[in-house]
């Protein structure tokens, strides 16, 4: 049963990583929210780990290393 669009979830997680790491909002001061450089790295690392777990649950470990399916024209 597929109840979650994993591509949309990956896009959301990528956006969160970009925002938190400062690539998207370089001039924004996250320290007023208590987010230091170290904690931003830890948060983005946790989000990246979540992406890997989503792939492992969706495709299984074997599916994560399998070549992508060929395109048919």
N, C-alpha and C. Protein backbone atom coordinates (compact mmCIF):
# COMPACT_ATOMS: atom_id res chain seq x y z
N UNK A 1 0.84 -1.17 0.00
CA UNK A 1 0.00 0.00 0.00
C UNK A 1 0.89 1.24 0.00
N UNK A 2 0.71 2.07 -0.99
CA UNK A 2 1.52 3.27 -1.11
C UNK A 2 0.70 4.46 -0.65
N UNK A 3 1.07 5.05 0.46
CA UNK A 3 0.31 6.17 1.02
C UNK A 3 1.13 7.44 1.08
N UNK A 4 2.36 7.40 0.61
CA UNK A 4 3.24 8.55 0.72
C UNK A 4 4.01 8.74 -0.58
N UNK A 5 3.99 9.94 -1.08
CA UNK A 5 4.78 10.25 -2.27
C UNK A 5 6.21 10.50 -1.82
N UNK A 6 7.07 9.51 -1.99
CA UNK A 6 8.44 9.63 -1.48
C UNK A 6 9.25 10.66 -2.24
N UNK A 7 8.93 10.92 -3.51
CA UNK A 7 9.65 11.95 -4.24
C UNK A 7 9.38 13.33 -3.65
N UNK A 8 8.13 13.58 -3.29
CA UNK A 8 7.79 14.86 -2.65
C UNK A 8 8.48 14.97 -1.29
N UNK A 9 8.55 13.86 -0.56
CA UNK A 9 9.23 13.88 0.73
C UNK A 9 10.71 14.18 0.55
N UNK A 10 11.34 13.58 -0.45
CA UNK A 10 12.76 13.85 -0.72
C UNK A 10 12.98 15.32 -1.07
N UNK A 11 12.09 15.88 -1.88
CA UNK A 11 12.21 17.30 -2.23
C UNK A 11 12.08 18.17 -0.99
N UNK A 12 11.15 17.86 -0.12
CA UNK A 12 10.98 18.61 1.13
C UNK A 12 12.23 18.50 2.00
N UNK A 13 12.75 17.29 2.15
CA UNK A 13 13.95 17.10 2.98
C UNK A 13 15.16 17.82 2.38
N UNK A 14 15.30 17.79 1.06
CA UNK A 14 16.40 18.52 0.41
C UNK A 14 16.27 20.02 0.66
N UNK A 15 15.06 20.53 0.60
CA UNK A 15 14.84 21.96 0.86
C UNK A 15 15.19 22.31 2.29
N UNK A 16 14.80 21.46 3.24
CA UNK A 16 15.14 21.71 4.64
C UNK A 16 16.65 21.71 4.86
N UNK A 17 17.34 20.78 4.23
CA UNK A 17 18.81 20.73 4.34
C UNK A 17 19.42 22.02 3.80
N UNK A 18 18.94 22.47 2.65
CA UNK A 18 19.48 23.69 2.04
C UNK A 18 19.24 24.90 2.92
N UNK A 19 18.07 24.98 3.53
CA UNK A 19 17.75 26.12 4.38
C UNK A 19 18.58 26.09 5.66
N UNK A 20 18.65 24.94 6.30
CA UNK A 20 19.34 24.85 7.59
C UNK A 20 20.84 25.03 7.44
N UNK A 21 21.41 24.46 6.39
CA UNK A 21 22.86 24.58 6.21
C UNK A 21 23.27 26.00 5.84
N UNK A 22 22.33 26.82 5.45
CA UNK A 22 22.66 28.20 5.13
C UNK A 22 22.92 28.47 3.67
N UNK A 23 22.90 27.45 2.86
CA UNK A 23 23.13 27.66 1.44
C UNK A 23 22.04 28.52 0.82
N UNK A 24 20.82 28.35 1.27
CA UNK A 24 19.71 29.11 0.70
C UNK A 24 19.55 30.46 1.41
N UNK A 25 19.86 30.52 2.67
CA UNK A 25 19.68 31.75 3.45
C UNK A 25 20.97 32.10 4.17
N UNK A 26 21.99 32.46 3.42
CA UNK A 26 23.31 32.71 4.00
C UNK A 26 23.27 33.87 4.99
N UNK A 27 22.51 34.91 4.69
CA UNK A 27 22.49 36.08 5.56
C UNK A 27 21.59 35.94 6.77
N UNK A 28 20.86 34.84 6.89
CA UNK A 28 19.93 34.68 8.00
C UNK A 28 20.67 34.25 9.25
N UNK A 29 20.35 34.86 10.37
CA UNK A 29 21.01 34.56 11.64
C UNK A 29 20.21 33.51 12.41
N UNK A 30 20.65 32.25 12.33
CA UNK A 30 19.96 31.16 13.02
C UNK A 30 20.27 31.13 14.50
N UNK A 31 21.29 31.88 14.96
CA UNK A 31 21.66 31.82 16.37
C UNK A 31 20.56 32.36 17.28
N UNK A 32 19.69 33.23 16.77
CA UNK A 32 18.59 33.71 17.61
C UNK A 32 17.60 32.60 17.94
N UNK A 33 17.64 31.50 17.18
CA UNK A 33 16.81 30.34 17.47
C UNK A 33 17.60 29.27 18.21
N UNK A 34 18.82 29.56 18.57
CA UNK A 34 19.65 28.60 19.29
C UNK A 34 20.32 27.58 18.39
N UNK A 35 20.39 27.85 17.10
CA UNK A 35 20.99 26.92 16.16
C UNK A 35 22.41 27.39 15.85
N UNK A 36 23.39 26.66 16.36
CA UNK A 36 24.79 26.98 16.09
C UNK A 36 25.22 26.25 14.82
N UNK A 37 26.44 26.51 14.38
CA UNK A 37 26.97 25.82 13.20
C UNK A 37 26.97 24.31 13.42
N UNK A 38 27.38 23.91 14.61
CA UNK A 38 27.45 22.48 14.91
C UNK A 38 26.06 21.84 14.93
N UNK A 39 25.10 22.51 15.55
CA UNK A 39 23.77 21.93 15.60
C UNK A 39 23.11 21.94 14.23
N UNK A 40 23.40 22.94 13.39
CA UNK A 40 22.87 22.94 12.02
C UNK A 40 23.41 21.74 11.25
N UNK A 41 24.68 21.42 11.44
CA UNK A 41 25.27 20.26 10.78
C UNK A 41 24.62 18.97 11.29
N UNK A 42 24.37 18.89 12.59
CA UNK A 42 23.73 17.71 13.15
C UNK A 42 22.30 17.55 12.64
N UNK A 43 21.57 18.66 12.54
CA UNK A 43 20.20 18.61 12.05
C UNK A 43 20.18 18.17 10.59
N UNK A 44 21.04 18.77 9.76
CA UNK A 44 21.06 18.39 8.35
C UNK A 44 21.53 16.95 8.16
N UNK A 45 22.43 16.49 9.01
CA UNK A 45 22.86 15.09 8.96
C UNK A 45 21.72 14.14 9.31
N UNK A 46 20.92 14.52 10.30
CA UNK A 46 19.77 13.70 10.68
C UNK A 46 18.74 13.65 9.56
N UNK A 47 18.54 14.78 8.88
CA UNK A 47 17.59 14.81 7.76
C UNK A 47 18.11 13.94 6.61
N UNK A 48 19.41 14.01 6.35
CA UNK A 48 20.00 13.17 5.29
C UNK A 48 19.87 11.69 5.64
N UNK A 49 20.04 11.35 6.92
CA UNK A 49 19.85 9.97 7.36
C UNK A 49 18.40 9.55 7.17
N UNK A 50 17.46 10.45 7.42
CA UNK A 50 16.04 10.15 7.19
C UNK A 50 15.79 9.83 5.72
N UNK A 51 16.46 10.55 4.82
CA UNK A 51 16.31 10.27 3.39
C UNK A 51 16.80 8.86 3.06
N UNK A 52 17.91 8.45 3.64
CA UNK A 52 18.45 7.11 3.40
C UNK A 52 17.50 6.06 3.95
N UNK A 53 16.93 6.31 5.11
CA UNK A 53 15.98 5.35 5.70
C UNK A 53 14.73 5.23 4.84
N UNK A 54 14.24 6.36 4.32
CA UNK A 54 13.08 6.32 3.42
C UNK A 54 13.39 5.46 2.21
N UNK A 55 14.57 5.62 1.62
CA UNK A 55 14.96 4.80 0.47
C UNK A 55 15.05 3.32 0.85
N UNK A 56 15.62 3.03 2.01
CA UNK A 56 15.78 1.64 2.43
C UNK A 56 14.43 0.98 2.67
N UNK A 57 13.49 1.71 3.22
CA UNK A 57 12.16 1.15 3.46
C UNK A 57 11.41 0.98 2.14
N UNK A 58 11.52 1.97 1.26
CA UNK A 58 10.79 1.94 0.00
C UNK A 58 11.36 0.90 -0.96
N UNK A 59 12.67 0.89 -1.15
CA UNK A 59 13.30 0.05 -2.17
C UNK A 59 14.01 -1.17 -1.62
N UNK A 60 14.31 -1.17 -0.34
CA UNK A 60 15.11 -2.24 0.23
C UNK A 60 16.58 -2.00 -0.07
N UNK A 61 17.47 -2.59 0.70
CA UNK A 61 18.90 -2.38 0.48
C UNK A 61 19.35 -2.79 -0.93
N UNK A 62 18.80 -3.86 -1.46
CA UNK A 62 19.18 -4.31 -2.79
C UNK A 62 18.72 -3.31 -3.85
N UNK A 63 17.54 -2.73 -3.66
CA UNK A 63 17.03 -1.76 -4.61
C UNK A 63 17.80 -0.46 -4.61
N UNK A 64 18.47 -0.16 -3.49
CA UNK A 64 19.24 1.08 -3.40
C UNK A 64 20.51 1.02 -4.23
N UNK A 65 21.02 -0.18 -4.48
CA UNK A 65 22.27 -0.30 -5.24
C UNK A 65 22.04 -0.85 -6.65
N UNK A 66 20.80 -1.20 -6.98
CA UNK A 66 20.50 -1.73 -8.30
C UNK A 66 20.57 -0.62 -9.34
N UNK A 67 20.94 -0.96 -10.57
CA UNK A 67 20.94 0.06 -11.61
C UNK A 67 19.52 0.53 -11.90
N UNK A 68 19.37 1.79 -12.30
CA UNK A 68 18.02 2.28 -12.58
C UNK A 68 17.41 1.60 -13.79
N UNK A 69 16.09 1.52 -13.84
CA UNK A 69 15.47 0.87 -15.00
C UNK A 69 15.73 1.67 -16.27
N UNK A 70 15.77 0.97 -17.39
CA UNK A 70 16.05 1.65 -18.66
C UNK A 70 14.81 2.41 -19.12
N UNK A 71 15.06 3.46 -19.90
CA UNK A 71 13.97 4.23 -20.46
C UNK A 71 13.50 3.58 -21.74
N UNK A 72 12.21 3.53 -21.89
CA UNK A 72 11.64 2.98 -23.12
C UNK A 72 11.05 4.12 -23.92
N UNK A 73 11.32 4.13 -25.22
CA UNK A 73 10.82 5.21 -26.07
C UNK A 73 9.67 4.73 -26.92
